């Protein structure tokens, strides 16, 4: 057992944790995706024939942020049984971040680019695989930091308001994009 001093040890219900994880994941997914789109030139990469990716204009890509709350709930289903190790501890967010990176990025059983298996079994150049880490590793750490801070500070109502407003804007933007696109046809 860790000798790390406990903070106030908030132990959220599953519903509360699922909602907060869905919000934090969706926001960090959107932020890091937007930054990666701009700085890593995703439209160009995804638009190349044979990239294996849908074009940025594909309705499923545009709708991507709206599907992220489901992944947030999936993450919460893992965090919930481990909540005593993750929340109410000074460095719980680092443990959570490492869990996401080790299991979800590096150690996945599949062979996606950027994973250990991907580095071994795919023909994607190593530099391109490591380039993806610029998006997904910071997202894992941001998700962990935001979520742990929010859970560990339940009295900060302003934080709930800010994150929920940002979440609803994040959910509304793809809807507006899809609606606008439909009107142009």
Protein backbone atom coordinates (compact mmCIF):
# COMPACT_ATOMS: atom_id res chain seq x y z
CA UNK A 1 0.00 0.00 0.00
CA UNK A 2 1.24 3.45 -0.89
CA UNK A 3 2.47 5.74 1.86
CA UNK A 4 1.52 8.73 -0.30
CA UNK A 5 -0.55 11.18 1.75
CA UNK A 6 -4.21 11.22 0.84
CA UNK A 7 -5.98 14.41 -0.04
CA UNK A 8 -9.66 14.70 0.78
CA UNK A 9 -10.66 11.35 -0.61
CA UNK A 10 -13.69 11.93 -2.81
CA UNK A 11 -15.05 8.66 -4.09
CA UNK A 12 -17.46 9.44 -6.90
CA UNK A 13 -20.44 7.32 -7.81
CA UNK A 14 -20.19 5.54 -11.12
CA UNK A 15 -22.77 7.86 -12.71
CA UNK A 16 -20.85 10.95 -11.59
CA UNK A 17 -17.52 9.52 -12.72
CA UNK A 18 -18.94 8.41 -16.07
CA UNK A 19 -20.39 11.86 -16.74
CA UNK A 20 -17.19 13.66 -15.73
CA UNK A 21 -15.01 11.26 -17.72
CA UNK A 22 -17.22 11.64 -20.79
CA UNK A 23 -17.01 15.44 -20.53
CA UNK A 24 -13.24 15.54 -19.94
CA UNK A 25 -12.47 12.98 -22.62
CA UNK A 26 -14.66 14.70 -25.22
CA UNK A 27 -13.10 18.10 -24.52
CA UNK A 28 -9.51 16.84 -24.61
CA UNK A 29 -10.24 14.75 -27.73
CA UNK A 30 -11.59 17.83 -29.48
CA UNK A 31 -8.77 20.16 -28.37
CA UNK A 32 -5.96 17.76 -29.24
CA UNK A 33 -7.67 16.74 -32.49
CA UNK A 34 -8.00 20.38 -33.56
CA UNK A 35 -4.37 21.07 -32.70
CA UNK A 36 -3.21 17.91 -34.49
CA UNK A 37 -5.36 18.74 -37.51
CA UNK A 38 -3.65 22.11 -37.81
CA UNK A 39 -0.06 21.38 -36.76
CA UNK A 40 0.26 17.78 -37.97
CA UNK A 41 -1.58 18.46 -41.25
CA UNK A 42 -4.13 15.68 -40.85
CA UNK A 43 -6.28 16.76 -43.82
CA UNK A 44 -3.31 16.31 -46.15
CA UNK A 45 -2.30 12.95 -44.67
CA UNK A 46 -5.83 11.55 -44.55
CA UNK A 47 -6.60 12.78 -48.06
CA UNK A 48 -3.83 10.78 -49.68
CA UNK A 49 -4.94 7.70 -51.62
CA UNK A 50 -4.06 4.54 -49.75
CA UNK A 51 -3.88 6.29 -46.37
CA UNK A 52 -6.52 3.90 -45.05
CA UNK A 53 -8.28 6.86 -43.45
CA UNK A 54 -11.54 8.59 -44.26
CA UNK A 55 -11.32 12.12 -45.63
CA UNK A 56 -11.71 14.95 -43.12
CA UNK A 57 -14.99 15.89 -44.82
CA UNK A 58 -16.51 12.43 -44.29
CA UNK A 59 -19.63 12.68 -42.08
CA UNK A 60 -18.23 10.04 -39.68
CA UNK A 61 -15.09 12.13 -39.15
CA UNK A 62 -17.15 15.28 -38.63
CA UNK A 63 -19.37 13.39 -36.15
CA UNK A 64 -16.36 11.94 -34.31
CA UNK A 65 -16.53 14.28 -31.30
CA UNK A 66 -20.19 13.40 -30.76
CA UNK A 67 -19.23 9.74 -30.28
CA UNK A 68 -16.54 10.41 -27.68
CA UNK A 69 -18.82 10.39 -24.62
CA UNK A 70 -19.21 6.65 -25.24
CA UNK A 71 -15.44 6.19 -24.99
CA UNK A 72 -15.47 8.34 -21.85
CA UNK A 73 -18.00 5.99 -20.27
CA UNK A 74 -15.82 3.03 -21.27
CA UNK A 75 -12.82 4.68 -19.58
CA UNK A 76 -14.92 5.38 -16.48
CA UNK A 77 -15.78 1.67 -16.28
CA UNK A 78 -12.04 1.04 -15.80
CA UNK A 79 -11.36 4.03 -13.53
CA UNK A 80 -14.28 3.30 -11.21
CA UNK A 81 -12.93 0.06 -9.62
CA UNK A 82 -9.54 1.79 -9.26
CA UNK A 83 -10.94 5.06 -7.89
CA UNK A 84 -9.24 4.60 -4.51
CA UNK A 85 -5.85 4.67 -6.25
CA UNK A 86 -6.67 7.47 -8.70
CA UNK A 87 -8.74 10.04 -6.81
CA UNK A 88 -7.88 11.79 -3.59
CA UNK A 89 -4.18 11.18 -4.16
CA UNK A 90 -1.71 13.88 -5.06
CA UNK A 91 -0.34 12.05 -8.12
CA UNK A 92 -3.35 9.93 -9.04
CA UNK A 93 -3.61 11.72 -12.36
CA UNK A 94 -0.12 10.50 -13.31
CA UNK A 95 -1.10 6.91 -12.56
CA UNK A 96 -4.24 7.35 -14.65
CA UNK A 97 -2.24 8.92 -17.48
CA UNK A 98 0.27 6.09 -17.41
CA UNK A 99 -2.56 3.52 -17.48
CA UNK A 100 -4.01 5.15 -20.59
CA UNK A 101 -0.62 5.41 -22.29
CA UNK A 102 0.66 1.94 -21.36
CA UNK A 103 -2.53 -0.01 -22.02
CA UNK A 104 -4.35 2.13 -24.56
CA UNK A 105 -1.48 3.37 -26.71
CA UNK A 106 1.71 1.34 -26.29
CA UNK A 107 0.48 -2.06 -25.16
CA UNK A 108 -2.75 -2.54 -27.08
CA UNK A 109 -3.30 -6.08 -28.39
CA UNK A 110 -3.84 -4.78 -31.93
CA UNK A 111 -1.12 -3.38 -34.18
CA UNK A 112 -2.14 0.24 -34.71
CA UNK A 113 0.58 2.73 -35.64
CA UNK A 114 2.35 4.04 -32.55
CA UNK A 115 1.86 0.91 -30.47
CA UNK A 116 4.62 -1.60 -29.72
CA UNK A 117 2.94 -4.05 -32.10
CA UNK A 118 2.51 -1.33 -34.73
CA UNK A 119 6.20 -0.48 -34.60
CA UNK A 120 7.03 -4.14 -35.21
CA UNK A 121 4.35 -5.36 -37.61
CA UNK A 122 3.26 -2.40 -39.75
CA UNK A 123 5.09 -0.82 -42.66
CA UNK A 124 4.19 2.68 -41.48
CA UNK A 125 7.48 4.56 -41.07
CA UNK A 126 8.55 4.86 -37.45
CA UNK A 127 8.70 8.67 -37.65
CA UNK A 128 5.04 8.77 -38.72
CA UNK A 129 4.04 6.46 -35.89
CA UNK A 130 5.88 8.52 -33.30
CA UNK A 131 4.38 11.69 -34.78
CA UNK A 132 0.95 10.46 -33.64
CA UNK A 133 2.22 10.45 -30.06
CA UNK A 134 2.27 14.27 -30.25
CA UNK A 135 -1.52 14.11 -30.19
CA UNK A 136 -2.43 11.07 -28.14
CA UNK A 137 0.06 11.19 -25.26
CA UNK A 138 -0.78 14.79 -24.29
CA UNK A 139 -4.48 13.97 -24.64
CA UNK A 140 -4.12 11.07 -22.18
CA UNK A 141 -2.31 13.33 -19.72
CA UNK A 142 -4.78 16.22 -20.13
CA UNK A 143 -7.74 13.89 -19.67
CA UNK A 144 -6.16 12.51 -16.51
CA UNK A 145 -5.27 15.92 -15.09
CA UNK A 146 -8.68 17.49 -15.83
CA UNK A 147 -10.64 14.51 -14.54
CA UNK A 148 -8.65 14.06 -11.34
CA UNK A 149 -8.75 17.77 -10.58
CA UNK A 150 -12.51 17.89 -11.13
CA UNK A 151 -13.20 14.79 -9.03
CA UNK A 152 -10.79 15.91 -6.29
CA UNK A 153 -12.40 19.36 -6.10
CA UNK A 154 -16.15 18.75 -6.09
CA UNK A 155 -16.86 22.12 -4.44
CA UNK A 156 -15.59 24.13 -7.44
CA UNK A 157 -18.94 24.70 -9.12
CA UNK A 158 -17.40 27.17 -11.58
CA UNK A 159 -15.28 24.31 -12.94
CA UNK A 160 -18.36 22.18 -13.53
CA UNK A 161 -20.02 25.08 -15.36
CA UNK A 162 -16.98 25.83 -17.54
CA UNK A 163 -16.37 22.20 -18.48
CA UNK A 164 -20.05 21.54 -19.19
CA UNK A 165 -20.36 24.65 -21.37
CA UNK A 166 -17.23 23.66 -23.28
CA UNK A 167 -18.61 20.12 -23.63
CA UNK A 168 -21.91 21.33 -25.08
CA UNK A 169 -20.10 23.65 -27.51
CA UNK A 170 -17.86 20.72 -28.50
CA UNK A 171 -20.96 18.60 -29.14
CA UNK A 172 -22.78 21.38 -31.01
CA UNK A 173 -20.01 22.21 -33.48
CA UNK A 174 -20.14 18.87 -35.36
CA UNK A 175 -23.95 19.04 -35.42
CA UNK A 176 -23.77 22.52 -36.95
CA UNK A 177 -21.15 21.30 -39.43
CA UNK A 178 -23.30 18.39 -40.51
CA UNK A 179 -26.43 20.55 -40.75
CA UNK A 180 -24.62 23.22 -42.77
CA UNK A 181 -23.21 20.59 -45.04
CA UNK A 182 -26.67 19.11 -45.58
CA UNK A 183 -28.09 22.52 -46.49
CA UNK A 184 -25.38 23.08 -49.10
CA UNK A 185 -26.37 20.00 -51.05
